[in-house]
Amino acid sequence: MQLIPTYSTYRSAVVVRQRPPQINDMQTAEIIRQVCAEYAGIDVTVLAGKWRKREVVEVRQIGMAITKHDTKLSLQSVGNYYGGRNHATIIHAKDLVSDLCETDKHFLLKVRTIQNIIEKHFTLTSKF
C-alpha cells in the first residue's frame, strides 16, 4: 500500500514547519480567528457571537475547521474560542468545510485564500 500525499497533508506540514517554536496552539488559534475576521471584514467578537448571517457563519466554520486541523487543541477548546460552541458544532464545521471544498470551487478558493493569509502571517512572524 502506497501513501499518496494529499493537499491537506501537505498543507498541515507547511504550517507546522513555518510556525515559530515560541507560538503555542492557543496563540495560533487566536491568529486564525483574527485572520478570518479580517478576511470577512468583521470584528473578532462577531465570530464568537450568535450571528447567523451566511457570511459570518461561513467564515466561522472555516475558522473552526482550520483551527482544528492546524492545532492540537481539543474540540471543546476550539469551541470555546468561537463563542462556547460544543464539540459537535466543531465536527460539523470540519465535515462541512471538507465537503464544500470538494464540490464548490468558489468556497475552496475562499478557504485557500484564508489559509494563504494565515501562512504568510506565520512566515512573517518567524523571520523576527
C-alpha atoms as a PDB file:
ATOM      1  CA  MET A   1       0.000   0.000   0.000  1.00  0.00           C
ATOM      2  CA  GLN A   2       1.481   3.289  -1.113  1.00  0.00           C
ATOM      3  CA  LEU A   3       0.681   6.555   0.639  1.00  0.00           C
ATOM      4  CA  ILE A   4      -0.125   9.399  -1.713  1.00  0.00           C
ATOM      5  CA  PRO A   5       0.384  12.906  -0.285  1.00  0.00           C
ATOM      6  CA  THR A   6      -2.760  14.982  -0.488  1.00  0.00           C
ATOM      7  CA  TYR A   7      -3.227  18.716  -0.349  1.00  0.00           C
ATOM      8  CA  SER A   8      -4.362  18.541   3.287  1.00  0.00           C
ATOM      9  CA  THR A   9      -1.305  16.581   4.458  1.00  0.00           C
ATOM     10  CA  TYR A  10       0.966  18.947   2.564  1.00  0.00           C
ATOM     11  CA  ARG A  11      -0.891  21.943   3.978  1.00  0.00           C
ATOM     12  CA  SER A  12      -0.510  20.853   7.594  1.00  0.00           C
ATOM     13  CA  ALA A  13       3.175  20.093   7.068  1.00  0.00           C
ATOM     14  CA  VAL A  14       3.759  23.580   5.670  1.00  0.00           C
ATOM     15  CA  VAL A  15       2.070  25.318   8.594  1.00  0.00           C
ATOM     16  CA  VAL A  16       3.879  23.260  11.219  1.00  0.00           C
ATOM     17  CA  ARG A  17       7.220  23.904   9.556  1.00  0.00           C
ATOM     18  CA  GLN A  18       6.652  27.643   9.286  1.00  0.00           C
ATOM     19  CA  ARG A  19       5.206  28.203  12.741  1.00  0.00           C
ATOM     20  CA  PRO A  20       7.867  29.578  15.070  1.00  0.00           C
ATOM     21  CA  PRO A  21       8.500  27.413  18.150  1.00  0.00           C
ATOM     22  CA  GLN A  22       7.543  30.156  20.613  1.00  0.00           C
ATOM     23  CA  ILE A  23       3.941  30.281  19.340  1.00  0.00           C
ATOM     24  CA  ASN A  24       1.704  27.744  21.045  1.00  0.00           C
ATOM     25  CA  ASP A  25      -1.616  26.325  19.859  1.00  0.00           C
ATOM     26  CA  MET A  26      -3.690  28.880  21.788  1.00  0.00           C
ATOM     27  CA  GLN A  27      -1.873  31.754  20.079  1.00  0.00           C
ATOM     28  CA  THR A  28      -2.235  30.008  16.727  1.00  0.00           C
ATOM     29  CA  ALA A  29      -5.991  29.676  17.271  1.00  0.00           C
ATOM     30  CA  GLU A  30      -6.215  33.376  18.088  1.00  0.00           C
ATOM     31  CA  ILE A  31      -4.273  34.302  14.945  1.00  0.00           C
ATOM     32  CA  ILE A  32      -6.528  32.095  12.802  1.00  0.00           C
ATOM     33  CA  ARG A  33      -9.623  33.719  14.307  1.00  0.00           C
ATOM     34  CA  GLN A  34      -8.227  37.228  13.694  1.00  0.00           C
ATOM     35  CA  VAL A  35      -7.314  36.432  10.081  1.00  0.00           C
ATOM     36  CA  CYS A  36     -10.798  35.013   9.433  1.00  0.00           C
ATOM     37  CA  ALA A  37     -12.418  38.117  10.907  1.00  0.00           C
ATOM     38  CA  GLU A  38     -10.183  40.420   8.853  1.00  0.00           C
ATOM     39  CA  TYR A  39     -10.939  38.455   5.693  1.00  0.00           C
ATOM     40  CA  ALA A  40     -14.682  38.850   6.263  1.00  0.00           C
ATOM     41  CA  GLY A  41     -14.339  42.479   7.314  1.00  0.00           C
ATOM     42  CA  ILE A  42     -15.969  41.890  10.676  1.00  0.00           C
ATOM     43  CA  ASP A  43     -14.963  42.208  14.313  1.00  0.00           C
ATOM     44  CA  VAL A  44     -13.475  39.168  16.067  1.00  0.00           C
ATOM     45  CA  THR A  45     -16.282  39.254  18.622  1.00  0.00           C
ATOM     46  CA  VAL A  46     -18.813  38.634  15.844  1.00  0.00           C
ATOM     47  CA  LEU A  47     -17.208  35.244  15.135  1.00  0.00           C
ATOM     48  CA  ALA A  48     -17.710  34.322  18.776  1.00  0.00           C
ATOM     49  CA  GLY A  49     -21.245  35.707  18.814  1.00  0.00           C
ATOM     50  CA  LYS A  50     -24.581  34.256  17.855  1.00  0.00           C
ATOM     51  CA  TRP A  51     -24.789  35.888  14.421  1.00  0.00           C
ATOM     52  CA  ARG A  52     -26.417  33.601  11.871  1.00  0.00           C
ATOM     53  CA  LYS A  53     -25.887  35.561   8.677  1.00  0.00           C
ATOM     54  CA  ARG A  54     -24.478  33.347   5.954  1.00  0.00           C
ATOM     55  CA  GLU A  55     -21.283  35.388   5.517  1.00  0.00           C
ATOM     56  CA  VAL A  56     -20.483  35.192   9.228  1.00  0.00           C
ATOM     57  CA  VAL A  57     -21.409  31.517   9.562  1.00  0.00           C
ATOM     58  CA  GLU A  58     -19.213  30.514   6.607  1.00  0.00           C
ATOM     59  CA  VAL A  59     -16.154  32.326   7.912  1.00  0.00           C
ATOM     60  CA  ARG A  60     -16.762  30.992  11.434  1.00  0.00           C
ATOM     61  CA  GLN A  61     -16.959  27.424  10.114  1.00  0.00           C
ATOM     62  CA  ILE A  62     -13.815  27.886   8.044  1.00  0.00           C
ATOM     63  CA  GLY A  63     -12.020  29.258  11.089  1.00  0.00           C
ATOM     64  CA  MET A  64     -13.147  26.372  13.282  1.00  0.00           C
ATOM     65  CA  ALA A  65     -12.096  23.798  10.667  1.00  0.00           C
ATOM     66  CA  ILE A  66      -8.661  25.345  10.106  1.00  0.00           C
ATOM     67  CA  THR A  67      -8.090  25.720  13.844  1.00  0.00           C
ATOM     68  CA  LYS A  68      -8.941  22.082  14.493  1.00  0.00           C
ATOM     69  CA  HIS A  69      -6.824  20.930  11.545  1.00  0.00           C
ATOM     70  CA  ASP A  70      -3.726  23.035  12.274  1.00  0.00           C
ATOM     71  CA  THR A  71      -3.575  22.797  16.076  1.00  0.00           C
ATOM     72  CA  LYS A  72      -3.696  20.046  18.656  1.00  0.00           C
ATOM     73  CA  LEU A  73      -6.480  21.756  20.592  1.00  0.00           C
ATOM     74  CA  SER A  74      -9.432  19.653  21.701  1.00  0.00           C
ATOM     75  CA  LEU A  75     -12.837  20.081  20.108  1.00  0.00           C
ATOM     76  CA  GLN A  76     -14.078  21.809  23.265  1.00  0.00           C
ATOM     77  CA  SER A  77     -11.143  24.250  23.291  1.00  0.00           C
ATOM     78  CA  VAL A  78     -11.797  25.199  19.675  1.00  0.00           C
ATOM     79  CA  GLY A  79     -15.480  25.641  20.519  1.00  0.00           C
ATOM     80  CA  ASN A  80     -14.592  27.939  23.406  1.00  0.00           C
ATOM     81  CA  TYR A  81     -12.696  30.215  21.018  1.00  0.00           C
ATOM     82  CA  TYR A  82     -15.787  30.543  18.872  1.00  0.00           C
ATOM     83  CA  GLY A  83     -18.350  31.511  21.486  1.00  0.00           C
ATOM     84  CA  GLY A  84     -18.641  28.396  23.635  1.00  0.00           C
ATOM     85  CA  ARG A  85     -19.840  26.090  20.898  1.00  0.00           C
ATOM     86  CA  ASN A  86     -19.871  22.390  21.682  1.00  0.00           C
ATOM     87  CA  HIS A  87     -17.759  19.629  20.153  1.00  0.00           C
ATOM     88  CA  ALA A  88     -20.491  18.540  17.732  1.00  0.00           C
ATOM     89  CA  THR A  89     -20.516  22.001  16.155  1.00  0.00           C
ATOM     90  CA  ILE A  90     -16.778  21.790  15.505  1.00  0.00           C
ATOM     91  CA  ILE A  91     -17.112  18.325  13.971  1.00  0.00           C
ATOM     92  CA  HIS A  92     -19.983  19.563  11.788  1.00  0.00           C
ATOM     93  CA  ALA A  93     -17.959  22.603  10.656  1.00  0.00           C
ATOM     94  CA  LYS A  94     -14.931  20.457   9.828  1.00  0.00           C
ATOM     95  CA  ASP A  95     -17.016  17.982   7.806  1.00  0.00           C
ATOM     96  CA  LEU A  96     -18.994  20.728   6.068  1.00  0.00           C
ATOM     97  CA  VAL A  97     -15.888  22.675   5.042  1.00  0.00           C
ATOM     98  CA  SER A  98     -14.288  19.491   3.730  1.00  0.00           C
ATOM     99  CA  ASP A  99     -17.394  18.575   1.708  1.00  0.00           C
ATOM    100  CA  LEU A 100     -17.866  22.080   0.310  1.00  0.00           C
ATOM    101  CA  CYS A 101     -14.204  22.268  -0.727  1.00  0.00           C
ATOM    102  CA  GLU A 102     -14.735  19.140  -2.817  1.00  0.00           C
ATOM    103  CA  THR A 103     -17.906  20.372  -4.518  1.00  0.00           C
ATOM    104  CA  ASP A 104     -17.784  24.189  -4.632  1.00  0.00           C
ATOM    105  CA  LYS A 105     -14.758  25.784  -6.291  1.00  0.00           C
ATOM    106  CA  HIS A 106     -15.660  29.279  -5.045  1.00  0.00           C
ATOM    107  CA  PHE A 107     -15.767  28.033  -1.461  1.00  0.00           C
ATOM    108  CA  LEU A 108     -12.441  26.242  -1.992  1.00  0.00           C
ATOM    109  CA  LEU A 109     -10.926  29.488  -3.261  1.00  0.00           C
ATOM    110  CA  LYS A 110     -12.189  31.267  -0.138  1.00  0.00           C
ATOM    111  CA  VAL A 111     -10.633  28.621   2.142  1.00  0.00           C
ATOM    112  CA  ARG A 112      -7.311  28.651   0.284  1.00  0.00           C
ATOM    113  CA  THR A 113      -7.185  32.455   0.410  1.00  0.00           C
ATOM    114  CA  ILE A 114      -7.657  32.399   4.185  1.00  0.00           C
ATOM    115  CA  GLN A 115      -5.047  29.639   4.523  1.00  0.00           C
ATOM    116  CA  ASN A 116      -2.564  31.642   2.440  1.00  0.00           C
ATOM    117  CA  ILE A 117      -3.068  34.724   4.618  1.00  0.00           C
ATOM    118  CA  ILE A 118      -2.501  32.608   7.748  1.00  0.00           C
ATOM    119  CA  GLU A 119       0.596  31.046   6.184  1.00  0.00           C
ATOM    120  CA  LYS A 120       2.008  34.486   5.310  1.00  0.00           C
ATOM    121  CA  HIS A 121       1.388  35.633   8.878  1.00  0.00           C
ATOM    122  CA  PHE A 122       3.439  32.739  10.269  1.00  0.00           C
ATOM    123  CA  THR A 123       6.171  33.317   7.684  1.00  0.00           C
ATOM    124  CA  LEU A 124       6.450  36.964   8.680  1.00  0.00           C
ATOM    125  CA  THR A 125       6.366  36.116  12.387  1.00  0.00           C
ATOM    126  CA  SER A 126       9.118  33.527  12.094  1.00  0.00           C
ATOM    127  CA  LYS A 127      11.544  35.965  10.453  1.00  0.00           C
ATOM    128  CA  PHE A 128      11.722  38.213  13.540  1.00  0.00           C
END
